[in-house]
Amino acid sequence: MKKITRRQALSMSAGAATAIGLTSACSSSSSSKPAVVPAGGAAASGAPGASGASGAAKAITPVDEVFEGRRIQISLDTSGHHTGGHHLPAMPSVRVDGVELHLMPNADGSWITVVNHYETFPDPLTAARAAVRDLQGAILVPLGANGDPA
């Protein structure tokens, strides 16, 4: 009787684990997930400013509020600074005490900030509030300023 080597056993185990992982990934992606509905009412498609199921663009609601003593301002940046070109949708411009807070959209419609890359947030306002909490009173330094305050 031929014995299998340790390398062959590991190879078969890895192949089986990969097959199980792919099967579970395919079955979970085909399951229906509830649609995320932003304040504007259109279903979220994952891209910022992208059209939802109704065809209307997701609205970025302008915000100007004071949260924990810090001023948060959110507006739609249509100047092209955040769009990266003519073919991409406009992104929200988020400022904390007048300094830009860099936000990044995820494919699932959630957002992350430059202050905290490890937690996702459902909308730019929630992300900005979390950044204010994470800063704990520290001054937000503009992205790309190499540590020099503006």
N, C-alpha and C. Protein backbone atom coordinates (compact mmCIF):
# COMPACT_ATOMS: atom_id res chain seq x y z
N MET A 1 0.84 -1.17 0.00
CA MET A 1 0.00 0.00 0.00
C MET A 1 0.89 1.24 0.00
N LYS A 2 0.57 2.17 -0.90
CA LYS A 2 1.37 3.38 -1.02
C LYS A 2 0.91 4.42 0.00
N LYS A 3 1.86 4.98 0.74
CA LYS A 3 1.54 6.03 1.71
C LYS A 3 1.61 7.39 1.01
N ILE A 4 0.77 8.31 1.45
CA ILE A 4 0.86 9.66 0.89
C ILE A 4 1.83 10.47 1.73
N THR A 5 2.47 11.39 1.09
CA THR A 5 3.44 12.23 1.79
C THR A 5 2.72 13.38 2.49
N ARG A 6 3.45 14.02 3.37
CA ARG A 6 2.90 15.17 4.08
C ARG A 6 2.55 16.27 3.08
N ARG A 7 3.38 16.48 2.08
CA ARG A 7 3.13 17.50 1.06
C ARG A 7 1.84 17.21 0.30
N GLN A 8 1.60 15.95 -0.03
CA GLN A 8 0.37 15.59 -0.74
C GLN A 8 -0.86 15.80 0.15
N ALA A 9 -0.73 15.48 1.42
CA ALA A 9 -1.84 15.66 2.36
C ALA A 9 -2.18 17.15 2.50
N LEU A 10 -1.15 17.97 2.64
CA LEU A 10 -1.38 19.42 2.74
C LEU A 10 -1.98 19.98 1.45
N SER A 11 -1.52 19.49 0.33
CA SER A 11 -2.04 19.94 -0.95
C SER A 11 -3.52 19.60 -1.09
N MET A 12 -3.89 18.39 -0.71
CA MET A 12 -5.30 18.00 -0.79
C MET A 12 -6.14 18.81 0.20
N SER A 13 -5.62 19.08 1.39
CA SER A 13 -6.35 19.87 2.38
C SER A 13 -6.56 21.29 1.89
N ALA A 14 -5.52 21.86 1.30
CA ALA A 14 -5.64 23.22 0.77
C ALA A 14 -6.65 23.28 -0.36
N GLY A 15 -6.65 22.29 -1.22
CA GLY A 15 -7.61 22.25 -2.31
C GLY A 15 -9.04 22.13 -1.81
N ALA A 16 -9.23 21.29 -0.80
CA ALA A 16 -10.58 21.13 -0.23
C ALA A 16 -11.04 22.41 0.45
N ALA A 17 -10.15 23.06 1.19
CA ALA A 17 -10.51 24.31 1.87
C ALA A 17 -10.85 25.40 0.85
N THR A 18 -10.12 25.45 -0.25
CA THR A 18 -10.40 26.43 -1.29
C THR A 18 -11.76 26.17 -1.92
N ALA A 19 -12.06 24.92 -2.20
CA ALA A 19 -13.35 24.57 -2.79
C ALA A 19 -14.50 24.94 -1.85
N ILE A 20 -14.34 24.68 -0.57
CA ILE A 20 -15.38 25.01 0.41
C ILE A 20 -15.54 26.53 0.50
N GLY A 21 -14.42 27.24 0.52
CA GLY A 21 -14.48 28.70 0.58
C GLY A 21 -15.16 29.31 -0.63
N LEU A 22 -14.83 28.81 -1.81
CA LEU A 22 -15.46 29.33 -3.03
C LEU A 22 -16.95 29.01 -3.05
N THR A 23 -17.31 27.82 -2.60
CA THR A 23 -18.72 27.45 -2.57
C THR A 23 -19.50 28.35 -1.63
N SER A 24 -18.95 28.63 -0.44
CA SER A 24 -19.66 29.49 0.51
C SER A 24 -19.70 30.93 0.03
N ALA A 25 -18.65 31.38 -0.65
CA ALA A 25 -18.64 32.75 -1.17
C ALA A 25 -19.68 32.92 -2.26
N CYS A 26 -19.80 31.93 -3.13
CA CYS A 26 -20.80 31.99 -4.21
C CYS A 26 -22.20 31.94 -3.66
N SER A 27 -22.43 31.12 -2.66
CA SER A 27 -23.78 31.00 -2.11
C SER A 27 -24.17 32.24 -1.31
N SER A 28 -23.20 32.88 -0.62
CA SER A 28 -23.53 34.08 0.14
C SER A 28 -23.71 35.28 -0.77
N SER A 29 -23.04 35.33 -1.92
CA SER A 29 -23.22 36.47 -2.82
C SER A 29 -24.53 36.40 -3.55
N SER A 30 -25.09 35.21 -3.69
CA SER A 30 -26.37 35.08 -4.38
C SER A 30 -27.54 35.32 -3.45
N SER A 31 -27.30 35.34 -2.12
CA SER A 31 -28.39 35.60 -1.19
C SER A 31 -28.76 37.06 -1.27
N SER A 32 -30.02 37.34 -1.03
CA SER A 32 -30.48 38.72 -1.16
C SER A 32 -30.14 39.48 0.11
N LYS A 33 -29.58 40.69 -0.08
CA LYS A 33 -29.26 41.57 1.02
C LYS A 33 -30.26 42.72 1.00
N PRO A 34 -30.63 43.25 2.16
CA PRO A 34 -31.53 44.38 2.15
C PRO A 34 -30.85 45.61 1.54
N ALA A 35 -31.59 46.37 0.80
CA ALA A 35 -31.04 47.56 0.16
C ALA A 35 -30.83 48.65 1.19
N VAL A 36 -29.73 49.36 1.08
CA VAL A 36 -29.45 50.49 1.95
C VAL A 36 -30.11 51.71 1.32
N VAL A 37 -30.93 52.39 2.10
CA VAL A 37 -31.62 53.55 1.57
C VAL A 37 -31.10 54.79 2.27
N PRO A 38 -30.44 55.71 1.52
CA PRO A 38 -29.93 56.93 2.12
C PRO A 38 -31.07 57.90 2.42
N ALA A 39 -30.74 59.02 3.02
CA ALA A 39 -31.73 60.00 3.41
C ALA A 39 -32.54 60.50 2.22
N GLY A 40 -31.95 60.54 1.03
CA GLY A 40 -32.64 61.02 -0.15
C GLY A 40 -33.73 60.07 -0.62
N GLY A 41 -33.69 58.80 -0.21
CA GLY A 41 -34.73 57.85 -0.53
C GLY A 41 -34.38 56.90 -1.66
N ALA A 42 -33.35 57.17 -2.46
CA ALA A 42 -32.98 56.28 -3.56
C ALA A 42 -32.16 55.13 -3.01
N ALA A 43 -32.28 53.97 -3.61
CA ALA A 43 -31.51 52.81 -3.16
C ALA A 43 -30.04 53.01 -3.48
N ALA A 44 -29.18 52.58 -2.57
CA ALA A 44 -27.74 52.76 -2.75
C ALA A 44 -27.19 51.72 -3.69
N SER A 45 -26.31 52.14 -4.59
CA SER A 45 -25.70 51.18 -5.50
C SER A 45 -24.24 50.96 -5.17
N GLY A 46 -23.71 51.68 -4.17
CA GLY A 46 -22.34 51.46 -3.77
C GLY A 46 -21.40 52.56 -4.20
N ALA A 47 -21.66 53.23 -5.29
CA ALA A 47 -20.78 54.30 -5.73
C ALA A 47 -21.32 55.63 -5.25
N PRO A 48 -20.45 56.51 -4.78
CA PRO A 48 -20.92 57.80 -4.30
C PRO A 48 -21.53 58.61 -5.42
N GLY A 49 -22.73 59.11 -5.20
CA GLY A 49 -23.38 59.92 -6.21
C GLY A 49 -23.92 59.11 -7.38
N ALA A 50 -23.82 57.79 -7.31
CA ALA A 50 -24.26 56.95 -8.41
C ALA A 50 -25.77 56.82 -8.40
N SER A 51 -26.33 56.40 -9.51
CA SER A 51 -27.77 56.24 -9.59
C SER A 51 -28.20 55.01 -8.83
N GLY A 52 -29.32 55.12 -8.15
CA GLY A 52 -29.87 54.00 -7.43
C GLY A 52 -30.82 53.24 -8.33
N ALA A 53 -31.68 52.41 -7.73
CA ALA A 53 -32.60 51.60 -8.51
C ALA A 53 -33.62 52.47 -9.24
N SER A 54 -33.94 53.64 -8.67
CA SER A 54 -34.92 54.50 -9.30
C SER A 54 -34.31 55.36 -10.41
N GLY A 55 -32.99 55.36 -10.53
CA GLY A 55 -32.31 56.15 -11.56
C GLY A 55 -31.91 57.52 -11.08
N ALA A 56 -32.38 57.94 -9.92
CA ALA A 56 -32.02 59.25 -9.39
C ALA A 56 -30.68 59.15 -8.67
N ALA A 57 -29.87 60.20 -8.77
CA ALA A 57 -28.57 60.20 -8.12
C ALA A 57 -28.76 60.32 -6.61
N LYS A 58 -27.90 59.64 -5.83
CA LYS A 58 -27.96 59.75 -4.39
C LYS A 58 -27.61 61.18 -4.01
N ALA A 59 -28.42 61.75 -3.17
CA ALA A 59 -28.21 63.14 -2.78
C ALA A 59 -27.24 63.21 -1.61
N ILE A 60 -26.29 64.10 -1.70
CA ILE A 60 -25.42 64.41 -0.57
C ILE A 60 -26.06 65.62 0.10
N THR A 61 -26.54 65.41 1.31
CA THR A 61 -27.21 66.48 2.04
C THR A 61 -26.15 67.40 2.63
N PRO A 62 -26.22 68.70 2.32
CA PRO A 62 -25.27 69.64 2.93
C PRO A 62 -25.47 69.69 4.45
N VAL A 63 -24.36 69.71 5.17
CA VAL A 63 -24.39 69.72 6.63
C VAL A 63 -23.49 70.82 7.11
N ASP A 64 -23.93 71.55 8.12
CA ASP A 64 -23.10 72.53 8.81
C ASP A 64 -23.53 72.46 10.28
N GLU A 65 -22.76 71.70 11.07
CA GLU A 65 -23.14 71.49 12.46
C GLU A 65 -21.92 71.54 13.36
N VAL A 66 -22.18 71.72 14.64
CA VAL A 66 -21.12 71.65 15.65
C VAL A 66 -21.33 70.35 16.42
N PHE A 67 -20.31 69.50 16.40
CA PHE A 67 -20.35 68.21 17.07
C PHE A 67 -19.17 68.12 18.02
N GLU A 68 -19.46 67.94 19.30
CA GLU A 68 -18.43 67.87 20.34
C GLU A 68 -17.46 69.05 20.25
N GLY A 69 -18.00 70.23 19.99
CA GLY A 69 -17.19 71.45 19.94
C GLY A 69 -16.43 71.67 18.65
N ARG A 70 -16.59 70.80 17.67
CA ARG A 70 -15.90 70.94 16.38
C ARG A 70 -16.95 71.19 15.29
N ARG A 71 -16.63 72.05 14.34
CA ARG A 71 -17.55 72.37 13.26
C ARG A 71 -17.35 71.40 12.10
N ILE A 72 -18.41 70.71 11.74
CA ILE A 72 -18.40 69.77 10.60
C ILE A 72 -19.21 70.39 9.48
N GLN A 73 -18.60 70.49 8.31
CA GLN A 73 -19.28 71.00 7.12
C GLN A 73 -19.16 69.96 6.02
N ILE A 74 -20.29 69.62 5.41
CA ILE A 74 -20.31 68.68 4.30
C ILE A 74 -21.06 69.31 3.14
N SER A 75 -20.43 69.29 1.98
CA SER A 75 -21.08 69.80 0.77
C SER A 75 -20.67 68.91 -0.39
N LEU A 76 -21.37 69.05 -1.50
CA LEU A 76 -21.03 68.27 -2.69
C LEU A 76 -19.96 69.02 -3.46
N ASP A 77 -18.82 68.36 -3.69
CA ASP A 77 -17.72 68.98 -4.41
C ASP A 77 -17.89 68.73 -5.90
N THR A 78 -18.35 69.74 -6.62
CA THR A 78 -18.55 69.61 -8.07
C THR A 78 -17.44 70.30 -8.85
N SER A 79 -16.42 70.78 -8.14
CA SER A 79 -15.33 71.50 -8.81
C SER A 79 -14.39 70.60 -9.57
N GLY A 80 -14.49 69.29 -9.33
CA GLY A 80 -13.60 68.36 -10.02
C GLY A 80 -12.44 67.92 -9.16
N HIS A 81 -12.26 68.55 -7.98
CA HIS A 81 -11.14 68.19 -7.10
C HIS A 81 -11.24 66.73 -6.67
N HIS A 82 -12.44 66.29 -6.31
CA HIS A 82 -12.63 64.93 -5.84
C HIS A 82 -13.10 63.98 -6.93
N THR A 83 -13.49 64.51 -8.07
CA THR A 83 -14.08 63.64 -9.06
C THR A 83 -13.05 62.82 -9.81
N GLY A 84 -11.83 63.30 -9.93
CA GLY A 84 -10.79 62.55 -10.61
C GLY A 84 -10.97 62.54 -12.11
N GLY A 85 -11.88 63.29 -12.62
CA GLY A 85 -12.12 63.33 -14.06
C GLY A 85 -13.59 63.56 -14.33
N HIS A 86 -13.94 63.64 -15.57
CA HIS A 86 -15.31 63.97 -15.95
C HIS A 86 -16.24 62.77 -15.84
N HIS A 87 -15.71 61.57 -15.87
CA HIS A 87 -16.56 60.38 -15.89
C HIS A 87 -16.94 59.88 -14.51
N LEU A 88 -16.33 60.39 -13.45
CA LEU A 88 -16.62 59.93 -12.10
C LEU A 88 -17.61 60.86 -11.42
N PRO A 89 -18.47 60.32 -10.53
CA PRO A 89 -19.44 61.17 -9.84
C PRO A 89 -18.75 62.08 -8.83
N ALA A 90 -19.42 63.17 -8.49
CA ALA A 90 -18.88 64.12 -7.52
C ALA A 90 -18.89 63.48 -6.13
N MET A 91 -17.90 63.84 -5.33
CA MET A 91 -17.75 63.31 -3.98
C MET A 91 -18.12 64.39 -2.97
N PRO A 92 -18.48 64.00 -1.76
CA PRO A 92 -18.73 65.01 -0.74
C PRO A 92 -17.42 65.64 -0.28
N SER A 93 -17.46 66.92 -0.02
CA SER A 93 -16.33 67.62 0.57
C SER A 93 -16.63 67.77 2.05
N VAL A 94 -15.79 67.17 2.90
CA VAL A 94 -16.02 67.18 4.34
C VAL A 94 -14.91 68.00 4.99
N ARG A 95 -15.32 68.94 5.83
CA ARG A 95 -14.36 69.78 6.54
C ARG A 95 -14.65 69.73 8.03
N VAL A 96 -13.57 69.65 8.82
CA VAL A 96 -13.65 69.71 10.27
C VAL A 96 -12.87 70.95 10.69
N ASP A 97 -13.57 71.91 11.26
CA ASP A 97 -12.98 73.20 11.64
C ASP A 97 -12.28 73.86 10.45
N GLY A 98 -12.83 73.72 9.26
CA GLY A 98 -12.29 74.35 8.07
C GLY A 98 -11.19 73.57 7.36
N VAL A 99 -10.74 72.46 7.95
CA VAL A 99 -9.68 71.65 7.35
C VAL A 99 -10.33 70.43 6.71
N GLU A 100 -9.93 70.12 5.47
CA GLU A 100 -10.53 69.01 4.74
C GLU A 100 -10.22 67.67 5.40
N LEU A 101 -11.28 66.88 5.61
CA LEU A 101 -11.15 65.50 6.08
C LEU A 101 -11.31 64.61 4.87
N HIS A 102 -10.27 63.85 4.55
CA HIS A 102 -10.30 63.00 3.36
C HIS A 102 -11.17 61.78 3.63
N LEU A 103 -12.21 61.60 2.80
CA LEU A 103 -13.11 60.46 2.88
C LEU A 103 -12.92 59.58 1.67
N MET A 104 -13.08 58.28 1.86
CA MET A 104 -12.97 57.34 0.76
C MET A 104 -14.18 56.42 0.75
N PRO A 105 -14.82 56.26 -0.42
CA PRO A 105 -15.96 55.35 -0.49
C PRO A 105 -15.50 53.91 -0.67
N ASN A 106 -16.25 52.99 -0.12
CA ASN A 106 -16.01 51.57 -0.33
C ASN A 106 -17.01 51.05 -1.36
N ALA A 107 -16.75 49.91 -1.91
CA ALA A 107 -17.60 49.35 -2.94
C ALA A 107 -19.01 49.03 -2.43
N ASP A 108 -19.14 48.76 -1.13
CA ASP A 108 -20.45 48.42 -0.58
C ASP A 108 -21.28 49.63 -0.18
N GLY A 109 -20.79 50.84 -0.47
CA GLY A 109 -21.53 52.05 -0.14
C GLY A 109 -21.14 52.65 1.19
N SER A 110 -20.27 51.99 1.94
CA SER A 110 -19.82 52.54 3.22
C SER A 110 -18.64 53.48 2.97
N TRP A 111 -18.22 54.16 4.02
CA TRP A 111 -17.15 55.17 3.92
C TRP A 111 -16.09 54.93 4.99
N ILE A 112 -14.84 55.29 4.68
CA ILE A 112 -13.76 55.32 5.67
C ILE A 112 -13.09 56.68 5.59
N THR A 113 -12.40 57.04 6.66
CA THR A 113 -11.70 58.32 6.70
C THR A 113 -10.21 58.09 6.84
N VAL A 114 -9.46 59.13 6.58
CA VAL A 114 -8.02 59.06 6.75
C VAL A 114 -7.66 58.95 8.23
N VAL A 115 -8.56 59.36 9.11
CA VAL A 115 -8.32 59.27 10.55
C VAL A 115 -8.43 57.83 11.03
N ASN A 116 -9.38 57.06 10.44
CA ASN A 116 -9.61 55.69 10.88
C ASN A 116 -9.90 54.81 9.66
N HIS A 117 -8.90 54.06 9.22
CA HIS A 117 -9.05 53.16 8.07
C HIS A 117 -9.65 51.81 8.46
N TYR A 118 -9.83 51.56 9.75
CA TYR A 118 -10.20 50.23 10.21
C TYR A 118 -11.68 50.06 10.50
N GLU A 119 -12.44 51.13 10.39
CA GLU A 119 -13.87 51.07 10.67
C GLU A 119 -14.62 51.73 9.52
N THR A 120 -15.71 51.13 9.10
CA THR A 120 -16.51 51.70 8.02
C THR A 120 -17.74 52.37 8.60
N PHE A 121 -18.25 53.36 7.86
CA PHE A 121 -19.40 54.13 8.31
C PHE A 121 -20.43 54.22 7.20
N PRO A 122 -21.71 54.28 7.55
CA PRO A 122 -22.75 54.23 6.52
C PRO A 122 -22.88 55.49 5.67
N ASP A 123 -22.44 56.64 6.20
CA ASP A 123 -22.56 57.88 5.44
C ASP A 123 -21.45 58.85 5.85
N PRO A 124 -21.22 59.89 5.06
CA PRO A 124 -20.13 60.83 5.36
C PRO A 124 -20.29 61.54 6.71
N LEU A 125 -21.51 61.85 7.13
CA LEU A 125 -21.70 62.54 8.41
C LEU A 125 -21.29 61.65 9.58
N THR A 126 -21.67 60.40 9.56
CA THR A 126 -21.27 59.47 10.62
C THR A 126 -19.75 59.30 10.64
N ALA A 127 -19.14 59.26 9.46
CA ALA A 127 -17.68 59.14 9.37
C ALA A 127 -17.00 60.38 9.94
N ALA A 128 -17.55 61.56 9.64
CA ALA A 128 -16.96 62.80 10.15
C ALA A 128 -17.09 62.88 11.66
N ARG A 129 -18.24 62.48 12.20
CA ARG A 129 -18.42 62.49 13.65
C ARG A 129 -17.45 61.53 14.33
N ALA A 130 -17.24 60.35 13.74
CA ALA A 130 -16.30 59.39 14.31
C ALA A 130 -14.87 59.94 14.27
N ALA A 131 -14.54 60.65 13.19
CA ALA A 131 -13.21 61.26 13.09
C ALA A 131 -13.01 62.30 14.18
N VAL A 132 -14.04 63.09 14.46
CA VAL A 132 -13.96 64.09 15.53
C VAL A 132 -13.72 63.39 16.87
N ARG A 133 -14.45 62.30 17.12
CA ARG A 133 -14.24 61.56 18.37
C ARG A 133 -12.82 60.98 18.44
N ASP A 134 -12.34 60.44 17.31
CA ASP A 134 -11.00 59.83 17.29
C ASP A 134 -9.89 60.87 17.45
N LEU A 135 -10.13 62.08 16.97
CA LEU A 135 -9.12 63.13 17.10
C LEU A 135 -8.93 63.57 18.55
N GLN A 136 -9.94 63.42 19.37
CA GLN A 136 -9.88 63.76 20.80
C GLN A 136 -9.31 65.16 21.03
N GLY A 137 -9.77 66.12 20.23
CA GLY A 137 -9.34 67.50 20.40
C GLY A 137 -8.10 67.88 19.60
N ALA A 138 -7.42 66.93 19.00
CA ALA A 138 -6.23 67.23 18.20
C ALA A 138 -6.64 67.97 16.93
N ILE A 139 -5.73 68.74 16.38
CA ILE A 139 -5.98 69.48 15.16
C ILE A 139 -5.82 68.54 13.97
N LEU A 140 -6.78 68.59 13.05
CA LEU A 140 -6.70 67.79 11.83
C LEU A 140 -5.71 68.44 10.89
N VAL A 141 -4.71 67.69 10.46
CA VAL A 141 -3.69 68.20 9.54
C VAL A 141 -4.13 67.82 8.12
N PRO A 142 -4.08 68.78 7.18
CA PRO A 142 -4.50 68.46 5.81
C PRO A 142 -3.68 67.33 5.22
N LEU A 143 -4.34 66.48 4.43
CA LEU A 143 -3.67 65.37 3.78
C LEU A 143 -2.66 65.91 2.78
N GLY A 144 -1.44 65.39 2.81
CA GLY A 144 -0.40 65.82 1.89
C GLY A 144 0.40 67.01 2.37
N ALA A 145 0.16 67.42 3.63
CA ALA A 145 0.88 68.58 4.14
C ALA A 145 2.19 68.18 4.81
N ASN A 146 2.53 66.89 4.80
CA ASN A 146 3.77 66.37 5.39
C ASN A 146 3.94 66.79 6.84
N GLY A 147 2.82 66.83 7.55
CA GLY A 147 2.89 67.14 8.98
C GLY A 147 2.89 68.60 9.29
N ASP A 148 2.98 69.47 8.29
CA ASP A 148 2.96 70.91 8.53
C ASP A 148 1.52 71.41 8.49
N PRO A 149 1.01 72.01 9.58
CA PRO A 149 -0.35 72.53 9.56
C PRO A 149 -0.48 73.64 8.52
N ALA A 150 -1.65 73.72 7.94
CA ALA A 150 -1.90 74.74 6.91
C ALA A 150 -2.02 76.11 7.49
